[in-house]
Amino acid sequence: MRIALVDDTAEELKILSDIINKELPHSTVFTFPSGESFLEAWADNSYDLILLDIMLPNKNGFEILKQLRKEKLLTPIIMLTAKSEIYDKLEGLENGADDYITKPFHMKELVARI
């Protein structure tokens, strides 16, 4: 499974990719420190899953989600975010997120949802 992980925190990218690679050894995690770097790469690459933070510089996760769904990308997208208000969750789900996980979360839960 090819997983795109988009988060602007280098420490979270490292921790999450290490754990996912350990727990799901047949997966490959591709990390992106910004929405822009992900958007540049996704057109040339196919991913089986996208893990997307909301609070990103310049273009936030909601904007990226809307753009991907507008372009008819059917790849599952899980939002991973500290934004835990119900209106944030609804915005993500109503705009095409397949799941919405709030930080902090338990890694076993994330692995199960993947």
Protein backbone atom coordinates (compact mmCIF):
# COMPACT_ATOMS: atom_id res chain seq x y z
CA MET A 1 0.00 0.00 0.00
CA ARG A 2 1.32 3.43 -0.97
CA ILE A 3 0.43 6.03 1.65
CA ALA A 4 0.87 9.79 1.26
CA LEU A 5 1.33 11.53 4.61
CA VAL A 6 0.94 15.33 4.55
CA ASP A 7 1.91 17.24 7.71
CA ASP A 8 3.98 20.36 8.25
CA THR A 9 5.63 19.06 11.44
CA ALA A 10 8.84 17.16 10.66
CA GLU A 11 8.70 15.26 13.96
CA GLU A 12 5.17 14.02 13.29
CA LEU A 13 6.09 12.98 9.75
CA LYS A 14 8.98 10.90 11.10
CA ILE A 15 7.08 9.32 14.00
CA LEU A 16 3.97 8.49 11.97
CA SER A 17 5.87 7.11 8.99
CA ASP A 18 8.10 4.97 11.23
CA ILE A 19 5.13 3.50 13.09
CA ILE A 20 3.07 2.87 9.94
CA ASN A 21 6.04 1.22 8.23
CA LYS A 22 6.57 -0.98 11.31
CA GLU A 23 2.90 -1.90 11.81
CA LEU A 24 2.10 -2.31 8.12
CA PRO A 25 5.33 -3.71 6.65
CA HIS A 26 3.91 -4.03 3.13
CA SER A 27 3.21 -0.29 3.05
CA THR A 28 5.39 2.53 1.86
CA VAL A 29 4.87 5.97 3.36
CA PHE A 30 5.69 9.04 1.28
CA THR A 31 5.98 12.17 3.41
CA PHE A 32 5.16 15.70 2.38
CA PRO A 33 5.89 18.74 4.61
CA SER A 34 3.36 20.96 2.84
CA GLY A 35 0.23 20.82 0.79
CA GLU A 36 2.09 22.30 -2.16
CA SER A 37 4.75 19.57 -2.14
CA PHE A 38 2.03 16.92 -2.05
CA LEU A 39 0.02 18.51 -4.86
CA GLU A 40 3.14 18.66 -7.03
CA ALA A 41 3.75 14.95 -6.50
CA TRP A 42 0.25 13.45 -6.58
CA ALA A 43 -0.38 14.08 -10.27
CA ASP A 44 2.62 11.91 -11.18
CA ASN A 45 2.11 9.27 -8.50
CA SER A 46 -0.73 7.10 -7.38
CA TYR A 47 -1.39 6.53 -3.71
CA ASP A 48 -3.73 4.04 -2.08
CA LEU A 49 -4.42 6.35 0.87
CA ILE A 50 -3.82 9.97 1.82
CA LEU A 51 -3.34 11.03 5.44
CA LEU A 52 -3.92 14.78 5.47
CA ASP A 53 -3.40 17.36 8.21
CA ILE A 54 -5.61 20.44 8.11
CA MET A 55 -3.37 23.11 9.57
CA LEU A 56 -0.81 23.51 6.81
CA PRO A 57 0.89 26.70 5.66
CA ASN A 58 -0.42 28.52 2.57
CA LYS A 59 -2.99 25.92 1.46
CA ASN A 60 -4.79 24.15 4.31
CA GLY A 61 -5.98 20.57 4.31
CA PHE A 62 -9.60 21.50 3.62
CA GLU A 63 -8.54 23.36 0.46
CA ILE A 64 -6.43 20.41 -0.66
CA LEU A 65 -9.28 17.98 0.05
CA LYS A 66 -11.73 20.10 -1.98
CA GLN A 67 -9.28 20.37 -4.88
CA LEU A 68 -8.66 16.62 -4.98
CA ARG A 69 -12.36 15.77 -4.88
CA LYS A 70 -13.14 18.44 -7.50
CA GLU A 71 -10.62 16.71 -9.76
CA LYS A 72 -12.49 13.43 -9.14
CA LEU A 73 -9.69 11.75 -7.14
CA LEU A 74 -11.29 8.70 -5.51
CA THR A 75 -8.34 7.77 -3.28
CA PRO A 76 -9.43 7.42 0.37
CA ILE A 77 -8.47 10.43 2.49
CA ILE A 78 -8.19 10.40 6.27
CA MET A 79 -7.93 13.80 7.94
CA LEU A 80 -5.45 13.80 10.87
CA THR A 81 -5.80 17.00 12.84
CA ALA A 82 -5.98 18.79 16.16
CA LYS A 83 -9.13 20.56 14.94
CA SER A 84 -11.74 18.70 16.96
CA GLU A 85 -14.81 20.94 16.80
CA ILE A 86 -17.89 19.36 15.25
CA TYR A 87 -18.04 21.97 12.46
CA ASP A 88 -14.45 21.08 11.48
CA LYS A 89 -15.30 17.39 11.38
CA LEU A 90 -18.42 18.08 9.33
CA GLU A 91 -16.50 20.30 6.90
CA GLY A 92 -14.00 17.51 6.30
CA LEU A 93 -16.57 14.76 5.90
CA GLU A 94 -18.98 16.84 3.81
CA ASN A 95 -16.17 17.78 1.44
CA GLY A 96 -15.14 14.21 0.76
CA ALA A 97 -12.92 12.95 3.59
CA ASP A 98 -13.45 9.26 4.20
CA ASP A 99 -12.51 9.52 7.87
CA TYR A 100 -11.54 12.17 10.39
CA ILE A 101 -9.20 11.46 13.31
CA THR A 102 -8.41 14.08 15.92
CA LYS A 103 -5.04 14.50 17.61
CA PRO A 104 -3.97 13.16 19.95
CA PHE A 105 -4.93 9.69 18.79
CA HIS A 106 -3.76 6.19 19.55
CA MET A 107 -1.55 4.70 16.85
CA LYS A 108 -3.36 1.36 17.01
CA GLU A 109 -6.58 3.18 16.07
CA LEU A 110 -4.89 4.86 13.10
CA VAL A 111 -3.41 1.56 11.93
CA ALA A 112 -6.83 -0.11 12.24
CA ARG A 113 -8.48 2.64 10.18
CA ILE A 114 -5.78 2.42 7.52
